[in-house]
Each structure stands twice: as structure tokens, then as C-alpha cells.
Amino acid sequence: MPSDVFSDYYRRNKWGDADSRSGKGSNLLATQELRKILPELVSELNVDSFLDLPCGDYFWMQHVDLGASRYTGGDIVSELISDNRASHGRDGVTFEVIDLIQGPIPRHDLVFTRDCLVHLSTEHVKAALRNIKASGSEWLLTTTYPGTGKNAEISTGQWRSLDLEKSPFSLGTPNKIIAEGMVEEKGQGPNKMLGLWKVADLPDFDG
């Protein structure tokens, strides 16, 4: 099960980062530019409720003043959520066990799904997008790699780059494309982007 896979990764720090168990792309250096970009986008879109799914260990996000009234960190790893609640929970910052693949996903103004779909099988990516659409949220901001060739198949827990504009996802041109920057850092790269889509415009993926 996906929960078993990612729970194991968390417990043994699979990606071996010294700062964050969520991987090389989740330390402070890799997110240096992103931490400036996100509050600007939240302000531009008038986002009041922000769902970080998956939130991972909240290592870098704790250093971001998003400007949203309500931040929800969601993750499939229950042990991680318990740790986050104990260390970081406060008024306006809550953590919930949320299964992106199985759903349901609570409605928020913006769903932020970074460095996640790239680890899911095609079937599970479609399930995740279907659940995000069913949430009735307004915006999806998620990792995409424009210019990737054919979207390869993997087993959930592995990794490959995804171009979400291409088949079999075909999300269309994003409303905004954002370069994360810090391209020389591990977990980053020159074609790693965040794509912003209206949730209501996402395709319908049959269950």
C-alpha cells in the first residue's frame, strides 16, 4: 500500500538529507527561491485556506509566512502527522492524515502538491487528480516538468519527471508556470516547475 511505502521512507530517511526526511528538494537551500514565491502567489490569488498535500515533515514550510489564515498540512504517513502536530501545531496551522490517492480531500482555496505526483503510478496520479477535483477547491499548484518526453510508467514509490500537459493527464496549459529556482541543488533542476491550474478545469478521470 502507498501508506506503507512512504511510511518506510520517512522512518529510514530514504533520501538521506541531513535537514529534511522529505528529501533533497525540501531543505532550506533548495527552497530558497520558493519560500519567496509562495507568499506572493497566495497574495495574488487572495488565498485564505492553503492545503499542503503532502506536507512532509514541514521542515522548510515552517519558515514561510504564507499570509493565509488557515494552513492545513496533509500527509498519508500518520506517524509524520503526529510528529508535526506535536512540534508545529498552533492556531491556523493544523495537520491531518489525508490520503491523496484514496480521498476524500477537504476543500481549500489552494491545494499545493509538490514533489508528489512524480512518485505515483499513472493510475494513482489520476486518482489523486480526481480527488482534488472532487474537493471543490479553487486552485491546484503542483510540480510539472514541461518538455518531458513520454510520461513513463512507474510503481508508486519510484520517481520520474512528469509533464502534466501531456497524455495521459492532459491538464492543458497552466494558468501560471513558476520556476522554483536553485537549479544546481539536488532535488531541483532547470525544468522543474510549479504549474497552477483551476481545479474546476481539471479533466474528469473515470474511477
C-alpha atoms as a PDB file:
ATOM      1  CA  MET A   1       0.000   0.000   0.000  1.00  0.00           C
ATOM      2  CA  PRO A   2       1.219   3.562  -0.650  1.00  0.00           C
ATOM      3  CA  SER A   3       0.974   4.403   3.049  1.00  0.00           C
ATOM      4  CA  ASP A   4       3.378   1.546   3.844  1.00  0.00           C
ATOM      5  CA  VAL A   5       5.827   2.673   1.153  1.00  0.00           C
ATOM      6  CA  PHE A   6       6.005   6.288   2.262  1.00  0.00           C
ATOM      7  CA  SER A   7       5.931   5.438   5.979  1.00  0.00           C
ATOM      8  CA  ASP A   8       9.005   3.292   5.415  1.00  0.00           C
ATOM      9  CA  TYR A   9      10.716   6.124   3.526  1.00  0.00           C
ATOM     10  CA  TYR A  10      10.015   8.503   6.423  1.00  0.00           C
ATOM     11  CA  ARG A  11      11.241   6.154   9.154  1.00  0.00           C
ATOM     12  CA  ARG A  12      14.550   5.344   7.487  1.00  0.00           C
ATOM     13  CA  ASN A  13      15.120   8.747   5.839  1.00  0.00           C
ATOM     14  CA  LYS A  14      15.352   7.134   2.409  1.00  0.00           C
ATOM     15  CA  TRP A  15      16.597  10.273   0.634  1.00  0.00           C
ATOM     16  CA  GLY A  16      19.365  10.834   3.181  1.00  0.00           C
ATOM     17  CA  ASP A  17      19.020  14.591   3.551  1.00  0.00           C
ATOM     18  CA  ALA A  18      20.643  15.991   6.677  1.00  0.00           C
ATOM     19  CA  ASP A  19      17.835  18.512   7.270  1.00  0.00           C
ATOM     20  CA  SER A  20      14.594  17.022   5.987  1.00  0.00           C
ATOM     21  CA  ARG A  21      13.276  13.481   5.780  1.00  0.00           C
ATOM     22  CA  SER A  22      11.125  14.638   2.885  1.00  0.00           C
ATOM     23  CA  GLY A  23      14.089  14.670   0.525  1.00  0.00           C
ATOM     24  CA  LYS A  24      16.794  16.818  -1.036  1.00  0.00           C
ATOM     25  CA  GLY A  25      14.250  19.235  -2.511  1.00  0.00           C
ATOM     26  CA  SER A  26      12.867  20.039   0.940  1.00  0.00           C
ATOM     27  CA  ASN A  27      15.828  21.598   2.679  1.00  0.00           C
ATOM     28  CA  LEU A  28      16.300  25.339   3.121  1.00  0.00           C
ATOM     29  CA  LEU A  29      18.803  25.774   0.315  1.00  0.00           C
ATOM     30  CA  ALA A  30      16.684  24.003  -2.314  1.00  0.00           C
ATOM     31  CA  THR A  31      13.609  26.033  -1.319  1.00  0.00           C
ATOM     32  CA  GLN A  32      15.350  29.393  -1.027  1.00  0.00           C
ATOM     33  CA  GLU A  33      13.565  30.943  -4.023  1.00  0.00           C
ATOM     34  CA  LEU A  34      10.323  29.031  -3.483  1.00  0.00           C
ATOM     35  CA  ARG A  35       9.946  30.464   0.009  1.00  0.00           C
ATOM     36  CA  LYS A  36       9.817  33.929  -1.535  1.00  0.00           C
ATOM     37  CA  ILE A  37       7.481  32.952  -4.379  1.00  0.00           C
ATOM     38  CA  LEU A  38       4.705  31.266  -2.401  1.00  0.00           C
ATOM     39  CA  PRO A  39       3.578  34.233  -0.250  1.00  0.00           C
ATOM     40  CA  GLU A  40       3.474  36.423  -3.370  1.00  0.00           C
ATOM     41  CA  LEU A  41       1.234  33.899  -5.120  1.00  0.00           C
ATOM     42  CA  VAL A  42      -1.019  33.492  -2.066  1.00  0.00           C
ATOM     43  CA  SER A  43      -1.491  37.260  -2.013  1.00  0.00           C
ATOM     44  CA  GLU A  44      -2.073  37.485  -5.764  1.00  0.00           C
ATOM     45  CA  LEU A  45      -4.773  34.785  -5.680  1.00  0.00           C
ATOM     46  CA  ASN A  46      -6.336  36.001  -2.396  1.00  0.00           C
ATOM     47  CA  VAL A  47      -5.858  32.544  -0.898  1.00  0.00           C
ATOM     48  CA  ASP A  48      -7.273  32.277   2.622  1.00  0.00           C
ATOM     49  CA  SER A  49      -7.011  28.486   3.103  1.00  0.00           C
ATOM     50  CA  PHE A  50      -3.918  26.563   1.939  1.00  0.00           C
ATOM     51  CA  LEU A  51      -3.683  22.765   1.794  1.00  0.00           C
ATOM     52  CA  ASP A  52      -0.123  21.418   1.640  1.00  0.00           C
ATOM     53  CA  LEU A  53      -0.598  17.846   0.418  1.00  0.00           C
ATOM     54  CA  PRO A  54       1.672  16.082   1.079  1.00  0.00           C
ATOM     55  CA  CYS A  55       3.220  18.328   3.705  1.00  0.00           C
ATOM     56  CA  GLY A  56       6.097  16.008   4.564  1.00  0.00           C
ATOM     57  CA  ASP A  57       7.955  16.924   7.728  1.00  0.00           C
ATOM     58  CA  TYR A  58       7.121  20.673   7.446  1.00  0.00           C
ATOM     59  CA  PHE A  59      10.830  21.422   7.636  1.00  0.00           C
ATOM     60  CA  TRP A  60      11.031  24.237   5.087  1.00  0.00           C
ATOM     61  CA  MET A  61       7.417  25.385   5.189  1.00  0.00           C
ATOM     62  CA  GLN A  62       7.747  26.355   8.859  1.00  0.00           C
ATOM     63  CA  HIS A  63       9.970  29.198   7.645  1.00  0.00           C
ATOM     64  CA  VAL A  64       7.348  30.616   5.253  1.00  0.00           C
ATOM     65  CA  ASP A  65       4.919  33.351   6.237  1.00  0.00           C
ATOM     66  CA  LEU A  66       2.272  32.407   3.690  1.00  0.00           C
ATOM     67  CA  GLY A  67      -0.228  35.087   4.593  1.00  0.00           C
ATOM     68  CA  ALA A  68      -3.125  32.600   4.527  1.00  0.00           C
ATOM     69  CA  SER A  69      -5.434  32.454   7.530  1.00  0.00           C
ATOM     70  CA  ARG A  70      -5.555  28.666   7.507  1.00  0.00           C
ATOM     71  CA  TYR A  71      -2.742  26.264   6.681  1.00  0.00           C
ATOM     72  CA  THR A  72      -3.505  22.533   6.631  1.00  0.00           C
ATOM     73  CA  GLY A  73      -0.672  20.056   6.260  1.00  0.00           C
ATOM     74  CA  GLY A  74      -1.915  16.721   4.990  1.00  0.00           C
ATOM     75  CA  ASP A  75       0.027  13.508   4.568  1.00  0.00           C
ATOM     76  CA  ILE A  76      -0.552   9.783   4.205  1.00  0.00           C
ATOM     77  CA  VAL A  77       2.054   8.977   6.882  1.00  0.00           C
ATOM     78  CA  SER A  78       0.230   9.009  10.226  1.00  0.00           C
ATOM     79  CA  GLU A  79       3.446   8.946  12.286  1.00  0.00           C
ATOM     80  CA  LEU A  80       4.670  12.056  10.474  1.00  0.00           C
ATOM     81  CA  ILE A  81       1.383  13.872  11.100  1.00  0.00           C
ATOM     82  CA  SER A  82       1.606  13.057  14.805  1.00  0.00           C
ATOM     83  CA  ASP A  83       5.148  14.447  14.918  1.00  0.00           C
ATOM     84  CA  ASN A  84       4.094  17.609  13.064  1.00  0.00           C
ATOM     85  CA  ARG A  85       1.139  18.190  15.368  1.00  0.00           C
ATOM     86  CA  ALA A  86       3.355  17.888  18.436  1.00  0.00           C
ATOM     87  CA  SER A  87       6.083  20.152  17.071  1.00  0.00           C
ATOM     88  CA  HIS A  88       4.276  22.689  14.919  1.00  0.00           C
ATOM     89  CA  GLY A  89       0.517  22.663  15.513  1.00  0.00           C
ATOM     90  CA  ARG A  90      -0.983  26.004  16.561  1.00  0.00           C
ATOM     91  CA  ASP A  91      -3.889  28.296  15.768  1.00  0.00           C
ATOM     92  CA  GLY A  92      -4.178  28.497  11.995  1.00  0.00           C
ATOM     93  CA  VAL A  93      -1.707  25.633  11.432  1.00  0.00           C
ATOM     94  CA  THR A  94      -3.142  22.124  11.615  1.00  0.00           C
ATOM     95  CA  PHE A  95      -2.099  18.703  10.379  1.00  0.00           C
ATOM     96  CA  GLU A  96      -4.346  15.869   9.194  1.00  0.00           C
ATOM     97  CA  VAL A  97      -3.885  12.370   7.822  1.00  0.00           C
ATOM     98  CA  ILE A  98      -5.139  12.742   4.246  1.00  0.00           C
ATOM     99  CA  ASP A  99      -4.774  10.065   1.593  1.00  0.00           C
ATOM    100  CA  LEU A 100      -4.347  11.817  -1.745  1.00  0.00           C
ATOM    101  CA  ILE A 101      -4.984   8.565  -3.631  1.00  0.00           C
ATOM    102  CA  GLN A 102      -7.998   7.290  -1.686  1.00  0.00           C
ATOM    103  CA  GLY A 103      -9.508  10.628  -0.679  1.00  0.00           C
ATOM    104  CA  PRO A 104     -11.506  12.459   0.375  1.00  0.00           C
ATOM    105  CA  ILE A 105      -9.661  15.770   0.238  1.00  0.00           C
ATOM    106  CA  PRO A 106     -11.098  18.747   2.154  1.00  0.00           C
ATOM    107  CA  ARG A 107     -11.863  21.921   0.245  1.00  0.00           C
ATOM    108  CA  HIS A 108      -9.297  24.725   0.368  1.00  0.00           C
ATOM    109  CA  ASP A 109      -8.661  27.769  -1.764  1.00  0.00           C
ATOM    110  CA  LEU A 110      -5.384  26.269  -2.959  1.00  0.00           C
ATOM    111  CA  VAL A 111      -4.077  22.692  -2.968  1.00  0.00           C
ATOM    112  CA  PHE A 112      -0.263  22.589  -3.074  1.00  0.00           C
ATOM    113  CA  THR A 113       1.002  19.207  -4.260  1.00  0.00           C
ATOM    114  CA  ARG A 114       4.762  19.454  -4.641  1.00  0.00           C
ATOM    115  CA  ASP A 115       7.185  16.605  -5.402  1.00  0.00           C
ATOM    116  CA  CYS A 116       4.437  14.008  -5.060  1.00  0.00           C
ATOM    117  CA  LEU A 117       2.781  13.007  -8.340  1.00  0.00           C
ATOM    118  CA  VAL A 118       6.248  12.242  -9.705  1.00  0.00           C
ATOM    119  CA  HIS A 119       6.358   9.342  -7.215  1.00  0.00           C
ATOM    120  CA  LEU A 120       2.962   7.862  -8.152  1.00  0.00           C
ATOM    121  CA  SER A 121       1.933   5.376 -10.807  1.00  0.00           C
ATOM    122  CA  THR A 122      -0.233   6.675 -13.646  1.00  0.00           C
ATOM    123  CA  GLU A 123      -3.315   5.130 -12.043  1.00  0.00           C
ATOM    124  CA  HIS A 124      -2.532   6.792  -8.723  1.00  0.00           C
ATOM    125  CA  VAL A 125      -1.819  10.184 -10.338  1.00  0.00           C
ATOM    126  CA  LYS A 126      -5.235  10.058 -11.975  1.00  0.00           C
ATOM    127  CA  ALA A 127      -6.856   9.069  -8.675  1.00  0.00           C
ATOM    128  CA  ALA A 128      -5.125  11.971  -6.920  1.00  0.00           C
ATOM    129  CA  LEU A 129      -6.262  14.470  -9.544  1.00  0.00           C
ATOM    130  CA  ARG A 130      -9.776  13.048  -9.431  1.00  0.00           C
ATOM    131  CA  ASN A 131      -9.887  13.515  -5.643  1.00  0.00           C
ATOM    132  CA  ILE A 132      -8.520  17.051  -5.879  1.00  0.00           C
ATOM    133  CA  LYS A 133     -11.237  17.934  -8.368  1.00  0.00           C
ATOM    134  CA  ALA A 134     -13.896  16.337  -6.158  1.00  0.00           C
ATOM    135  CA  SER A 135     -12.748  18.516  -3.244  1.00  0.00           C
ATOM    136  CA  GLY A 136     -14.216  21.606  -4.907  1.00  0.00           C
ATOM    137  CA  SER A 137     -11.032  23.540  -4.180  1.00  0.00           C
ATOM    138  CA  GLU A 138     -10.258  26.527  -6.370  1.00  0.00           C
ATOM    139  CA  TRP A 139      -6.608  26.150  -7.373  1.00  0.00           C
ATOM    140  CA  LEU A 140      -4.065  23.349  -7.798  1.00  0.00           C
ATOM    141  CA  LEU A 141      -0.364  24.204  -7.661  1.00  0.00           C
ATOM    142  CA  THR A 142       1.754  21.169  -8.456  1.00  0.00           C
ATOM    143  CA  THR A 143       5.126  20.024  -9.763  1.00  0.00           C
ATOM    144  CA  THR A 144       5.457  19.579 -13.511  1.00  0.00           C
ATOM    145  CA  TYR A 145       8.374  19.207 -15.902  1.00  0.00           C
ATOM    146  CA  PRO A 146       7.477  20.903 -19.213  1.00  0.00           C
ATOM    147  CA  GLY A 147       9.231  19.412 -22.194  1.00  0.00           C
ATOM    148  CA  THR A 148       9.473  15.930 -20.747  1.00  0.00           C
ATOM    149  CA  GLY A 149       9.164  13.323 -23.480  1.00  0.00           C
ATOM    150  CA  LYS A 150       6.709  10.498 -22.993  1.00  0.00           C
ATOM    151  CA  ASN A 151       5.340  10.276 -19.462  1.00  0.00           C
ATOM    152  CA  ALA A 152       6.848   6.995 -18.281  1.00  0.00           C
ATOM    153  CA  GLU A 153       5.101   4.470 -16.068  1.00  0.00           C
ATOM    154  CA  ILE A 154       6.455   3.595 -12.619  1.00  0.00           C
ATOM    155  CA  SER A 155       5.375   1.789  -9.500  1.00  0.00           C
ATOM    156  CA  THR A 156       4.264   4.083  -6.702  1.00  0.00           C
ATOM    157  CA  GLY A 157       7.296   4.999  -4.621  1.00  0.00           C
ATOM    158  CA  GLN A 158       9.673   5.289  -7.568  1.00  0.00           C
ATOM    159  CA  TRP A 159      10.341   8.574  -9.400  1.00  0.00           C
ATOM    160  CA  ARG A 160      10.176  10.059 -12.882  1.00  0.00           C
ATOM    161  CA  SER A 161       9.603  13.528 -14.291  1.00  0.00           C
ATOM    162  CA  LEU A 162       6.064  14.286 -15.466  1.00  0.00           C
ATOM    163  CA  ASP A 163       4.742  16.806 -17.955  1.00  0.00           C
ATOM    164  CA  LEU A 164       1.151  17.189 -16.797  1.00  0.00           C
ATOM    165  CA  GLU A 165       0.178  18.955 -20.006  1.00  0.00           C
ATOM    166  CA  LYS A 166       0.830  15.742 -21.937  1.00  0.00           C
ATOM    167  CA  SER A 167      -1.058  12.460 -22.207  1.00  0.00           C
ATOM    168  CA  PRO A 168      -2.312  10.575 -20.291  1.00  0.00           C
ATOM    169  CA  PHE A 169      -3.048  13.520 -17.956  1.00  0.00           C
ATOM    170  CA  SER A 170      -3.601  16.332 -20.453  1.00  0.00           C
ATOM    171  CA  LEU A 171      -4.268  19.108 -17.955  1.00  0.00           C
ATOM    172  CA  GLY A 172      -3.824  21.745 -20.629  1.00  0.00           C
ATOM    173  CA  THR A 173      -1.822  24.943 -20.421  1.00  0.00           C
ATOM    174  CA  PRO A 174      -1.485  26.085 -16.809  1.00  0.00           C
ATOM    175  CA  ASN A 175      -2.782  29.487 -15.742  1.00  0.00           C
ATOM    176  CA  LYS A 176       0.715  30.182 -14.481  1.00  0.00           C
ATOM    177  CA  ILE A 177       4.051  28.401 -14.645  1.00  0.00           C
ATOM    178  CA  ILE A 178       6.609  29.113 -11.945  1.00  0.00           C
ATOM    179  CA  ALA A 179      10.286  28.163 -11.932  1.00  0.00           C
ATOM    180  CA  GLU A 180      11.348  27.034  -8.458  1.00  0.00           C
ATOM    181  CA  GLY A 181      14.947  28.164  -8.990  1.00  0.00           C
ATOM    182  CA  MET A 182      18.045  26.858  -7.203  1.00  0.00           C
ATOM    183  CA  VAL A 183      18.577  24.664 -10.252  1.00  0.00           C
ATOM    184  CA  GLU A 184      22.018  23.430  -9.187  1.00  0.00           C
ATOM    185  CA  GLU A 185      20.723  21.931  -5.957  1.00  0.00           C
ATOM    186  CA  LYS A 186      19.820  18.253  -5.603  1.00  0.00           C
ATOM    187  CA  GLY A 187      16.092  17.751  -5.915  1.00  0.00           C
ATOM    188  CA  GLN A 188      15.810  20.765  -8.210  1.00  0.00           C
ATOM    189  CA  GLY A 189      16.684  21.318 -11.874  1.00  0.00           C
ATOM    190  CA  PRO A 190      16.247  23.769 -14.748  1.00  0.00           C
ATOM    191  CA  ASN A 191      12.961  22.266 -15.956  1.00  0.00           C
ATOM    192  CA  LYS A 192      11.354  21.726 -12.546  1.00  0.00           C
ATOM    193  CA  MET A 193       8.314  23.985 -12.402  1.00  0.00           C
ATOM    194  CA  LEU A 194       5.133  24.567 -10.462  1.00  0.00           C
ATOM    195  CA  GLY A 195       2.044  24.665 -12.636  1.00  0.00           C
ATOM    196  CA  LEU A 196      -1.101  26.458 -11.495  1.00  0.00           C
ATOM    197  CA  TRP A 197      -4.446  25.117 -12.708  1.00  0.00           C
ATOM    198  CA  LYS A 198      -8.072  25.908 -11.890  1.00  0.00           C
ATOM    199  CA  VAL A 199      -9.367  22.779 -10.142  1.00  0.00           C
ATOM    200  CA  ALA A 200     -12.725  23.064 -11.909  1.00  0.00           C
ATOM    201  CA  ASP A 201     -10.900  22.834 -15.247  1.00  0.00           C
ATOM    202  CA  LEU A 202      -9.116  19.569 -14.464  1.00  0.00           C
ATOM    203  CA  PRO A 203     -10.116  16.631 -16.668  1.00  0.00           C
ATOM    204  CA  ASP A 204     -12.563  14.057 -15.379  1.00  0.00           C
ATOM    205  CA  PHE A 205     -10.734  10.792 -14.790  1.00  0.00           C
ATOM    206  CA  ASP A 206     -13.095   7.849 -14.542  1.00  0.00           C
ATOM    207  CA  GLY A 207     -12.798   5.895 -11.342  1.00  0.00           C
END
